[in-house]
Amino acid sequence: MRAAPNQPMTNREKTIRVRATEEERERALLAQFMRHDSVASLADAIAELTGVRGGDLIAEAGLDPSRANK
């Protein structure tokens, strides 16, 4: 049974909520990935939102060995 809104959550409830949040993030990321044809396309879309370069995101993720040390 769920505690009343004004009662603190138990550790078990917190753990369950953290896992649910992580799963929601993973599903959202997977959905974004599925909308794009490639990692580069997804990186470019993220870059557009954040103001960085897609190639830089790929290099930071370690997915482009030719740019990883630049």
C-alpha atoms as a PDB file:
ATOM      1  CA  MET A   1       0.000   0.000   0.000  1.00  0.00           C
ATOM      2  CA  ARG A   2       1.305   3.449  -0.903  1.00  0.00           C
ATOM      3  CA  ALA A   3       1.951   5.924   1.912  1.00  0.00           C
ATOM      4  CA  ALA A   4      -0.098   9.084   2.150  1.00  0.00           C
ATOM      5  CA  PRO A   5       1.351  12.014   0.140  1.00  0.00           C
ATOM      6  CA  ASN A   6       2.623  13.786   3.254  1.00  0.00           C
ATOM      7  CA  GLN A   7       4.555  10.754   4.537  1.00  0.00           C
ATOM      8  CA  PRO A   8       8.182  10.180   3.502  1.00  0.00           C
ATOM      9  CA  MET A   9       8.953   7.419   1.025  1.00  0.00           C
ATOM     10  CA  THR A  10      10.634   4.248   2.235  1.00  0.00           C
ATOM     11  CA  ASN A  11      14.015   3.219   0.820  1.00  0.00           C
ATOM     12  CA  ARG A  12      12.299   0.495  -1.206  1.00  0.00           C
ATOM     13  CA  GLU A  13       9.873   3.007  -2.721  1.00  0.00           C
ATOM     14  CA  LYS A  14      12.772   5.341  -3.570  1.00  0.00           C
ATOM     15  CA  THR A  15      14.679   2.498  -5.237  1.00  0.00           C
ATOM     16  CA  ILE A  16      11.640   1.524  -7.300  1.00  0.00           C
ATOM     17  CA  ARG A  17      11.120   5.149  -8.377  1.00  0.00           C
ATOM     18  CA  VAL A  18      14.778   5.575  -9.379  1.00  0.00           C
ATOM     19  CA  ARG A  19      14.615   2.420 -11.488  1.00  0.00           C
ATOM     20  CA  ALA A  20      11.395   3.603 -13.130  1.00  0.00           C
ATOM     21  CA  THR A  21      12.974   6.971 -13.916  1.00  0.00           C
ATOM     22  CA  GLU A  22      16.052   5.294 -15.418  1.00  0.00           C
ATOM     23  CA  GLU A  23      13.847   3.045 -17.543  1.00  0.00           C
ATOM     24  CA  GLU A  24      11.818   6.051 -18.728  1.00  0.00           C
ATOM     25  CA  ARG A  25      15.053   7.809 -19.776  1.00  0.00           C
ATOM     26  CA  GLU A  26      16.274   4.693 -21.572  1.00  0.00           C
ATOM     27  CA  ARG A  27      12.974   4.343 -23.434  1.00  0.00           C
ATOM     28  CA  ALA A  28      13.062   8.021 -24.428  1.00  0.00           C
ATOM     29  CA  LEU A  29      16.632   7.666 -25.696  1.00  0.00           C
ATOM     30  CA  LEU A  30      15.736   4.523 -27.634  1.00  0.00           C
ATOM     31  CA  ALA A  31      12.742   6.322 -29.181  1.00  0.00           C
ATOM     32  CA  GLN A  32      15.007   9.186 -30.268  1.00  0.00           C
ATOM     33  CA  PHE A  33      17.530   6.760 -31.704  1.00  0.00           C
ATOM     34  CA  MET A  34      14.837   4.904 -33.645  1.00  0.00           C
ATOM     35  CA  ARG A  35      13.704   8.175 -35.271  1.00  0.00           C
ATOM     36  CA  HIS A  36      17.173   8.707 -36.734  1.00  0.00           C
ATOM     37  CA  ASP A  37      18.977   6.704 -39.399  1.00  0.00           C
ATOM     38  CA  SER A  38      22.358   6.735 -37.693  1.00  0.00           C
ATOM     39  CA  VAL A  39      24.323   7.691 -34.614  1.00  0.00           C
ATOM     40  CA  ALA A  40      25.613  10.708 -36.532  1.00  0.00           C
ATOM     41  CA  SER A  41      22.054  11.838 -37.296  1.00  0.00           C
ATOM     42  CA  LEU A  42      21.074  11.524 -33.641  1.00  0.00           C
ATOM     43  CA  ALA A  43      24.245  13.332 -32.526  1.00  0.00           C
ATOM     44  CA  ASP A  44      23.473  16.159 -34.950  1.00  0.00           C
ATOM     45  CA  ALA A  45      19.920  16.459 -33.567  1.00  0.00           C
ATOM     46  CA  ILE A  46      21.204  16.570 -29.987  1.00  0.00           C
ATOM     47  CA  ALA A  47      23.909  19.037 -31.001  1.00  0.00           C
ATOM     48  CA  GLU A  48      21.309  21.315 -32.537  1.00  0.00           C
ATOM     49  CA  LEU A  49      19.435  21.412 -29.226  1.00  0.00           C
ATOM     50  CA  THR A  50      22.512  21.931 -27.078  1.00  0.00           C
ATOM     51  CA  GLY A  51      24.623  24.209 -29.244  1.00  0.00           C
ATOM     52  CA  VAL A  52      27.584  21.860 -29.679  1.00  0.00           C
ATOM     53  CA  ARG A  53      28.838  19.990 -32.731  1.00  0.00           C
ATOM     54  CA  GLY A  54      27.563  16.498 -33.490  1.00  0.00           C
ATOM     55  CA  GLY A  55      31.066  15.297 -34.287  1.00  0.00           C
ATOM     56  CA  ASP A  56      32.228  16.473 -30.883  1.00  0.00           C
ATOM     57  CA  LEU A  57      29.468  14.476 -29.181  1.00  0.00           C
ATOM     58  CA  ILE A  58      30.464  11.367 -31.113  1.00  0.00           C
ATOM     59  CA  ALA A  59      34.127  11.864 -30.209  1.00  0.00           C
ATOM     60  CA  GLU A  60      33.298  12.416 -26.516  1.00  0.00           C
ATOM     61  CA  ALA A  61      31.314   9.179 -26.540  1.00  0.00           C
ATOM     62  CA  GLY A  62      34.373   7.403 -27.955  1.00  0.00           C
ATOM     63  CA  LEU A  63      32.571   6.410 -31.152  1.00  0.00           C
ATOM     64  CA  ASP A  64      34.953   8.131 -33.593  1.00  0.00           C
ATOM     65  CA  PRO A  65      38.534   7.033 -32.902  1.00  0.00           C
ATOM     66  CA  SER A  66      39.914   9.517 -35.456  1.00  0.00           C
ATOM     67  CA  ARG A  67      38.597  12.466 -33.375  1.00  0.00           C
ATOM     68  CA  ALA A  68      38.811  11.058 -29.861  1.00  0.00           C
ATOM     69  CA  ASN A  69      42.076  12.800 -28.946  1.00  0.00           C
ATOM     70  CA  LYS A  70      41.366  16.198 -30.496  1.00  0.00           C
END
